Structure formats: structure tokens, C-alpha cells
Amino acid sequence: MSTPRKRWKAIALLGLCCVVLAGLIALPKSTARPAPKVTILDKRLQIFSVETVAGTNTCYLSDDGSHIGNQLGGRIASKLHAWGVPVYVPPYFAPGKRSDSRAFIICYYFPLPPMPSAHLDAELVAADGTIFPMHTPGGGGYGGPPGGGPPRKYWNGWMLESPPPNIESCVVRLKLQTNGMPVGEIRFGQR
């Protein structure tokens, strides 16, 4: 006959196993890609982080949008919000509508004019020199001084729906929106 104490131990052990399993599922998968090489063409530009995302799944970002966040936590918060529960849902987007779609999440600083829509543009340069313009469904700024003022960092998620066949070896070029002048390049792969 089972005692209440033994039942509680079994329930606690089962719960602990579920938490550990959920944690293992949520861990990011290891990738053996070399780090991208950043080249600054305008000394006012600072690049803090660069991440790539592939596929059609929704990608949840960190609270400030500067890097990939907790995907499991983002999915749970999004589902709860859809059910009407008042929870914070971090910034998110889907890289595209195709399984080979790509998004490049770049956290940077560049002294932009004080207009809400002033950001940098980006284009992808393939290994053969072909240029693919990218669009950004989202971005923002954060880290401004207390009491107001311009942000200290910006982030954008630039997307490419139909990338070239060898996307692993390419350059993402950041340009001024106003005159198209390149301010920085990020090289991926052996190029």
C-alpha cells in the first residue's frame, strides 16, 4: 500500500524530470560556424552583436531586441497572451515564408537623425557579387540616458525571403538610408 509521503515523492520526482526535459529541449543547438567578420567603414558605427536565423518559425528576441532570446519562454508568453492573459511578450518575427529564408539580427549604434523611422538599410552581397536588397519588419532602440535623449543602441532584423544558394558565404552591407553610403560590412563564411 502506498503512503501519502511516497506519492508526494513520486509526484515531485516526476515534476523535476519534466522541468529538466523542458530545459534540455529549450537549449540552443550547437553550430560550428565561424564567427562573422565585422568591417567598420564609418568610424561612427559600432556593432555589438550579429545573429542569423533561418526558416519560417517565429523567432523571439531578448527584451531589448539585441539578440535571440528564450524561444520556449517566448512561445509560452505568446500563447498565454493569445488566450487573454495579460503577460509581456518579447519582440518577435518570422524570418520568412520559406524554409531557406534568412534573417540577420544586428545590434548597433550609429548617430541617427532624431526621426522615428531613420535607420540603416541593409543588402546581402552573394559570393558571386549579386546584390539582394533586404527588408526589415522590425527594429528599435534602447539604452538611452535617464530622462530622455537618443538611444545608445539600435537593433534591426533584416530579412531575405529568397537567399542565394551559397548563403553561408556572403556579406551583409549596412548603408545609410538617406544616401546609400556603406557604413559597415559583416562577412559570413570563407570569403
C-alpha atoms as a PDB file:
ATOM      1  CA  MET A   1       0.000   0.000   0.000  1.00  0.00           C
ATOM      2  CA  SER A   2       1.296   3.464  -0.968  1.00  0.00           C
ATOM      3  CA  THR A   3       1.576   6.130   1.703  1.00  0.00           C
ATOM      4  CA  PRO A   4       0.845   9.822   1.015  1.00  0.00           C
ATOM      5  CA  ARG A   5       4.530  10.621   1.585  1.00  0.00           C
ATOM      6  CA  LYS A   6       5.624   8.154  -1.123  1.00  0.00           C
ATOM      7  CA  ARG A   7       3.047   9.565  -3.546  1.00  0.00           C
ATOM      8  CA  TRP A   8       4.315  13.134  -2.991  1.00  0.00           C
ATOM      9  CA  LYS A   9       7.903  11.992  -3.566  1.00  0.00           C
ATOM     10  CA  ALA A  10       6.864  10.322  -6.821  1.00  0.00           C
ATOM     11  CA  ILE A  11       4.971  13.442  -7.951  1.00  0.00           C
ATOM     12  CA  ALA A  12       7.934  15.677  -7.038  1.00  0.00           C
ATOM     13  CA  LEU A  13      10.336  13.407  -8.930  1.00  0.00           C
ATOM     14  CA  LEU A  14       8.066  13.366 -11.984  1.00  0.00           C
ATOM     15  CA  GLY A  15       7.789  17.171 -11.871  1.00  0.00           C
ATOM     16  CA  LEU A  16      11.575  17.539 -11.615  1.00  0.00           C
ATOM     17  CA  CYS A  17      12.019  15.222 -14.614  1.00  0.00           C
ATOM     18  CA  CYS A  18       9.563  17.338 -16.647  1.00  0.00           C
ATOM     19  CA  VAL A  19      11.425  20.564 -15.782  1.00  0.00           C
ATOM     20  CA  VAL A  20      14.804  19.053 -16.729  1.00  0.00           C
ATOM     21  CA  LEU A  21      13.397  17.701 -20.010  1.00  0.00           C
ATOM     22  CA  ALA A  22      11.854  21.088 -20.889  1.00  0.00           C
ATOM     23  CA  GLY A  23      15.198  22.761 -20.141  1.00  0.00           C
ATOM     24  CA  LEU A  24      17.071  20.361 -22.406  1.00  0.00           C
ATOM     25  CA  ILE A  25      14.600  20.949 -25.228  1.00  0.00           C
ATOM     26  CA  ALA A  26      14.959  24.728 -24.845  1.00  0.00           C
ATOM     27  CA  LEU A  27      18.778  24.703 -25.018  1.00  0.00           C
ATOM     28  CA  PRO A  28      20.116  26.200 -28.239  1.00  0.00           C
ATOM     29  CA  LYS A  29      21.637  23.761 -30.700  1.00  0.00           C
ATOM     30  CA  SER A  30      25.389  23.988 -31.201  1.00  0.00           C
ATOM     31  CA  THR A  31      26.583  25.295 -34.546  1.00  0.00           C
ATOM     32  CA  ALA A  32      30.180  25.045 -35.747  1.00  0.00           C
ATOM     33  CA  ARG A  33      30.107  28.123 -37.978  1.00  0.00           C
ATOM     34  CA  PRO A  34      32.981  30.586 -37.780  1.00  0.00           C
ATOM     35  CA  ALA A  35      32.148  33.957 -36.244  1.00  0.00           C
ATOM     36  CA  PRO A  36      31.257  36.668 -38.762  1.00  0.00           C
ATOM     37  CA  LYS A  37      33.945  39.271 -39.505  1.00  0.00           C
ATOM     38  CA  VAL A  38      32.835  42.881 -38.999  1.00  0.00           C
ATOM     39  CA  THR A  39      34.411  45.685 -41.041  1.00  0.00           C
ATOM     40  CA  ILE A  40      33.608  49.256 -39.985  1.00  0.00           C
ATOM     41  CA  LEU A  41      33.608  51.710 -42.922  1.00  0.00           C
ATOM     42  CA  ASP A  42      32.347  54.737 -40.952  1.00  0.00           C
ATOM     43  CA  LYS A  43      34.055  55.294 -37.589  1.00  0.00           C
ATOM     44  CA  ARG A  44      30.756  56.410 -36.005  1.00  0.00           C
ATOM     45  CA  LEU A  45      29.313  52.872 -36.395  1.00  0.00           C
ATOM     46  CA  GLN A  46      29.609  50.368 -33.558  1.00  0.00           C
ATOM     47  CA  ILE A  47      28.309  46.796 -33.940  1.00  0.00           C
ATOM     48  CA  PHE A  48      27.572  44.975 -30.668  1.00  0.00           C
ATOM     49  CA  SER A  49      26.106  41.667 -31.865  1.00  0.00           C
ATOM     50  CA  VAL A  50      25.185  39.788 -35.033  1.00  0.00           C
ATOM     51  CA  GLU A  51      22.970  36.701 -35.187  1.00  0.00           C
ATOM     52  CA  THR A  52      21.356  34.789 -38.032  1.00  0.00           C
ATOM     53  CA  VAL A  53      18.038  32.990 -38.007  1.00  0.00           C
ATOM     54  CA  ALA A  54      16.735  30.628 -40.683  1.00  0.00           C
ATOM     55  CA  GLY A  55      13.366  29.167 -41.574  1.00  0.00           C
ATOM     56  CA  THR A  56       9.736  30.023 -41.044  1.00  0.00           C
ATOM     57  CA  ASN A  57       9.351  29.660 -37.279  1.00  0.00           C
ATOM     58  CA  THR A  58       8.641  32.691 -35.129  1.00  0.00           C
ATOM     59  CA  CYS A  59      11.847  33.957 -33.521  1.00  0.00           C
ATOM     60  CA  TYR A  60      11.601  35.595 -30.094  1.00  0.00           C
ATOM     61  CA  LEU A  61      14.233  38.180 -29.222  1.00  0.00           C
ATOM     62  CA  SER A  62      15.626  39.301 -25.894  1.00  0.00           C
ATOM     63  CA  ASP A  63      13.653  42.004 -24.086  1.00  0.00           C
ATOM     64  CA  ASP A  64      15.746  44.751 -25.677  1.00  0.00           C
ATOM     65  CA  GLY A  65      15.750  43.047 -29.110  1.00  0.00           C
ATOM     66  CA  SER A  66      19.539  42.864 -29.262  1.00  0.00           C
ATOM     67  CA  HIS A  67      19.868  39.068 -29.620  1.00  0.00           C
ATOM     68  CA  ILE A  68      17.968  35.791 -29.806  1.00  0.00           C
ATOM     69  CA  GLY A  69      16.023  35.273 -26.602  1.00  0.00           C
ATOM     70  CA  ASN A  70      14.450  32.305 -24.825  1.00  0.00           C
ATOM     71  CA  GLN A  71      12.336  30.605 -27.506  1.00  0.00           C
ATOM     72  CA  LEU A  72      10.350  28.396 -25.127  1.00  0.00           C
ATOM     73  CA  GLY A  73       9.534  31.341 -22.850  1.00  0.00           C
ATOM     74  CA  GLY A  74       8.511  33.452 -25.855  1.00  0.00           C
ATOM     75  CA  ARG A  75       6.184  30.751 -27.211  1.00  0.00           C
ATOM     76  CA  ILE A  76       4.560  30.278 -23.796  1.00  0.00           C
ATOM     77  CA  ALA A  77       4.095  34.038 -23.277  1.00  0.00           C
ATOM     78  CA  SER A  78       2.661  34.410 -26.787  1.00  0.00           C
ATOM     79  CA  LYS A  79       0.167  31.574 -26.245  1.00  0.00           C
ATOM     80  CA  LEU A  80      -0.921  32.977 -22.865  1.00  0.00           C
ATOM     81  CA  HIS A  81      -1.327  36.438 -24.424  1.00  0.00           C
ATOM     82  CA  ALA A  82      -3.466  34.929 -27.216  1.00  0.00           C
ATOM     83  CA  TRP A  83      -5.694  33.405 -24.534  1.00  0.00           C
ATOM     84  CA  GLY A  84      -6.192  36.852 -22.989  1.00  0.00           C
ATOM     85  CA  VAL A  85      -3.744  36.552 -20.097  1.00  0.00           C
ATOM     86  CA  PRO A  86      -2.012  39.932 -19.550  1.00  0.00           C
ATOM     87  CA  VAL A  87       1.645  38.874 -19.945  1.00  0.00           C
ATOM     88  CA  TYR A  88       4.614  40.575 -21.586  1.00  0.00           C
ATOM     89  CA  VAL A  89       5.520  39.084 -24.979  1.00  0.00           C
ATOM     90  CA  PRO A  90       9.099  39.888 -26.115  1.00  0.00           C
ATOM     91  CA  PRO A  91       9.756  41.283 -29.611  1.00  0.00           C
ATOM     92  CA  TYR A  92       9.411  38.618 -32.302  1.00  0.00           C
ATOM     93  CA  PHE A  93       9.232  37.990 -36.028  1.00  0.00           C
ATOM     94  CA  ALA A  94       9.451  35.141 -38.527  1.00  0.00           C
ATOM     95  CA  PRO A  95      12.494  35.109 -40.832  1.00  0.00           C
ATOM     96  CA  GLY A  96      10.287  34.382 -43.840  1.00  0.00           C
ATOM     97  CA  LYS A  97       7.713  32.212 -45.534  1.00  0.00           C
ATOM     98  CA  ARG A  98      10.185  29.659 -46.913  1.00  0.00           C
ATOM     99  CA  SER A  99      12.362  27.143 -45.105  1.00  0.00           C
ATOM    100  CA  ASP A 100      15.502  28.703 -46.646  1.00  0.00           C
ATOM    101  CA  SER A 101      14.587  32.270 -45.597  1.00  0.00           C
ATOM    102  CA  ARG A 102      17.179  34.118 -43.536  1.00  0.00           C
ATOM    103  CA  ALA A 103      17.138  36.981 -41.070  1.00  0.00           C
ATOM    104  CA  PHE A 104      20.121  38.866 -39.696  1.00  0.00           C
ATOM    105  CA  ILE A 105      19.618  40.442 -36.267  1.00  0.00           C
ATOM    106  CA  ILE A 106      22.153  43.201 -35.760  1.00  0.00           C
ATOM    107  CA  CYS A 107      22.576  45.341 -32.655  1.00  0.00           C
ATOM    108  CA  TYR A 108      24.475  48.556 -33.434  1.00  0.00           C
ATOM    109  CA  TYR A 109      24.973  52.215 -32.660  1.00  0.00           C
ATOM    110  CA  PHE A 110      25.069  54.936 -35.286  1.00  0.00           C
ATOM    111  CA  PRO A 111      24.211  58.590 -34.623  1.00  0.00           C
ATOM    112  CA  LEU A 112      20.910  58.719 -36.478  1.00  0.00           C
ATOM    113  CA  PRO A 113      18.815  61.839 -37.039  1.00  0.00           C
ATOM    114  CA  PRO A 114      16.026  62.312 -34.458  1.00  0.00           C
ATOM    115  CA  MET A 115      13.339  60.774 -36.667  1.00  0.00           C
ATOM    116  CA  PRO A 116      11.487  57.632 -35.570  1.00  0.00           C
ATOM    117  CA  SER A 117      11.888  55.927 -38.942  1.00  0.00           C
ATOM    118  CA  ALA A 118      15.578  56.731 -39.508  1.00  0.00           C
ATOM    119  CA  HIS A 119      17.539  53.501 -39.537  1.00  0.00           C
ATOM    120  CA  LEU A 120      20.212  51.875 -41.600  1.00  0.00           C
ATOM    121  CA  ASP A 121      19.392  49.868 -44.712  1.00  0.00           C
ATOM    122  CA  ALA A 122      20.992  46.504 -45.477  1.00  0.00           C
ATOM    123  CA  GLU A 123      21.735  44.387 -48.520  1.00  0.00           C
ATOM    124  CA  LEU A 124      23.218  40.936 -48.936  1.00  0.00           C
ATOM    125  CA  VAL A 125      26.110  40.500 -51.360  1.00  0.00           C
ATOM    126  CA  ALA A 126      26.395  36.893 -52.555  1.00  0.00           C
ATOM    127  CA  ALA A 127      29.718  35.142 -53.218  1.00  0.00           C
ATOM    128  CA  ASP A 128      29.327  35.856 -56.970  1.00  0.00           C
ATOM    129  CA  GLY A 129      28.750  39.607 -56.320  1.00  0.00           C
ATOM    130  CA  THR A 130      24.979  39.587 -56.823  1.00  0.00           C
ATOM    131  CA  ILE A 131      23.248  42.108 -54.540  1.00  0.00           C
ATOM    132  CA  PHE A 132      19.999  41.198 -52.771  1.00  0.00           C
ATOM    133  CA  PRO A 133      18.171  44.066 -51.030  1.00  0.00           C
ATOM    134  CA  MET A 134      16.791  43.104 -47.610  1.00  0.00           C
ATOM    135  CA  HIS A 135      13.781  44.474 -45.750  1.00  0.00           C
ATOM    136  CA  THR A 136      13.251  44.940 -42.043  1.00  0.00           C
ATOM    137  CA  PRO A 137       9.950  44.076 -40.375  1.00  0.00           C
ATOM    138  CA  GLY A 138      11.098  45.372 -37.021  1.00  0.00           C
ATOM    139  CA  GLY A 139      13.691  47.212 -35.079  1.00  0.00           C
ATOM    140  CA  GLY A 140      14.084  49.651 -32.275  1.00  0.00           C
ATOM    141  CA  GLY A 141      16.345  51.499 -29.921  1.00  0.00           C
ATOM    142  CA  TYR A 142      17.170  51.097 -26.254  1.00  0.00           C
ATOM    143  CA  GLY A 143      19.591  52.221 -23.585  1.00  0.00           C
ATOM    144  CA  GLY A 144      19.014  55.975 -23.765  1.00  0.00           C
ATOM    145  CA  PRO A 145      20.188  58.181 -20.917  1.00  0.00           C
ATOM    146  CA  PRO A 146      17.882  58.647 -17.918  1.00  0.00           C
ATOM    147  CA  GLY A 147      15.468  61.498 -18.502  1.00  0.00           C
ATOM    148  CA  GLY A 148      15.371  61.144 -22.285  1.00  0.00           C
ATOM    149  CA  GLY A 149      17.706  61.533 -25.219  1.00  0.00           C
ATOM    150  CA  PRO A 150      18.634  59.346 -28.165  1.00  0.00           C
ATOM    151  CA  PRO A 151      19.124  55.597 -27.680  1.00  0.00           C
ATOM    152  CA  ARG A 152      22.624  54.255 -27.138  1.00  0.00           C
ATOM    153  CA  LYS A 153      21.918  51.136 -29.203  1.00  0.00           C
ATOM    154  CA  TYR A 154      19.617  50.148 -32.041  1.00  0.00           C
ATOM    155  CA  TRP A 155      18.623  46.754 -33.357  1.00  0.00           C
ATOM    156  CA  ASN A 156      17.111  45.598 -36.630  1.00  0.00           C
ATOM    157  CA  GLY A 157      16.083  42.248 -38.030  1.00  0.00           C
ATOM    158  CA  TRP A 158      16.819  42.332 -41.762  1.00  0.00           C
ATOM    159  CA  MET A 159      15.171  39.569 -43.795  1.00  0.00           C
ATOM    160  CA  LEU A 160      15.780  37.867 -47.112  1.00  0.00           C
ATOM    161  CA  GLU A 161      12.972  35.661 -48.442  1.00  0.00           C
ATOM    162  CA  SER A 162      14.886  34.041 -51.333  1.00  0.00           C
ATOM    163  CA  PRO A 163      18.582  33.792 -50.468  1.00  0.00           C
ATOM    164  CA  PRO A 164      21.251  32.706 -52.945  1.00  0.00           C
ATOM    165  CA  PRO A 165      22.268  29.026 -52.962  1.00  0.00           C
ATOM    166  CA  ASN A 166      25.519  29.575 -51.013  1.00  0.00           C
ATOM    167  CA  ILE A 167      24.175  31.747 -48.185  1.00  0.00           C
ATOM    168  CA  GLU A 168      26.944  30.517 -45.856  1.00  0.00           C
ATOM    169  CA  SER A 169      29.482  32.687 -47.719  1.00  0.00           C
ATOM    170  CA  CYS A 170      28.124  36.209 -48.082  1.00  0.00           C
ATOM    171  CA  VAL A 171      28.427  39.820 -46.922  1.00  0.00           C
ATOM    172  CA  VAL A 172      25.706  41.890 -45.250  1.00  0.00           C
ATOM    173  CA  ARG A 173      26.349  45.549 -46.076  1.00  0.00           C
ATOM    174  CA  LEU A 174      24.850  48.272 -43.863  1.00  0.00           C
ATOM    175  CA  LYS A 175      24.115  51.574 -45.623  1.00  0.00           C
ATOM    176  CA  LEU A 176      22.728  54.984 -44.762  1.00  0.00           C
ATOM    177  CA  GLN A 177      19.049  55.258 -45.613  1.00  0.00           C
ATOM    178  CA  THR A 178      19.475  58.829 -46.787  1.00  0.00           C
ATOM    179  CA  ASN A 179      22.189  58.470 -49.455  1.00  0.00           C
ATOM    180  CA  GLY A 180      23.029  54.738 -49.670  1.00  0.00           C
ATOM    181  CA  MET A 181      26.609  55.241 -48.428  1.00  0.00           C
ATOM    182  CA  PRO A 182      28.032  51.990 -46.913  1.00  0.00           C
ATOM    183  CA  VAL A 183      28.959  52.310 -43.218  1.00  0.00           C
ATOM    184  CA  GLY A 184      29.850  48.696 -42.394  1.00  0.00           C
ATOM    185  CA  GLU A 185      30.068  45.113 -43.661  1.00  0.00           C
ATOM    186  CA  ILE A 186      29.644  41.765 -41.960  1.00  0.00           C
ATOM    187  CA  ARG A 187      31.275  38.775 -43.677  1.00  0.00           C
ATOM    188  CA  PHE A 188      29.955  35.264 -43.149  1.00  0.00           C
ATOM    189  CA  GLY A 189      31.901  32.131 -44.105  1.00  0.00           C
ATOM    190  CA  GLN A 190      35.158  31.865 -46.032  1.00  0.00           C
ATOM    191  CA  ARG A 191      35.128  34.762 -48.425  1.00  0.00           C
END
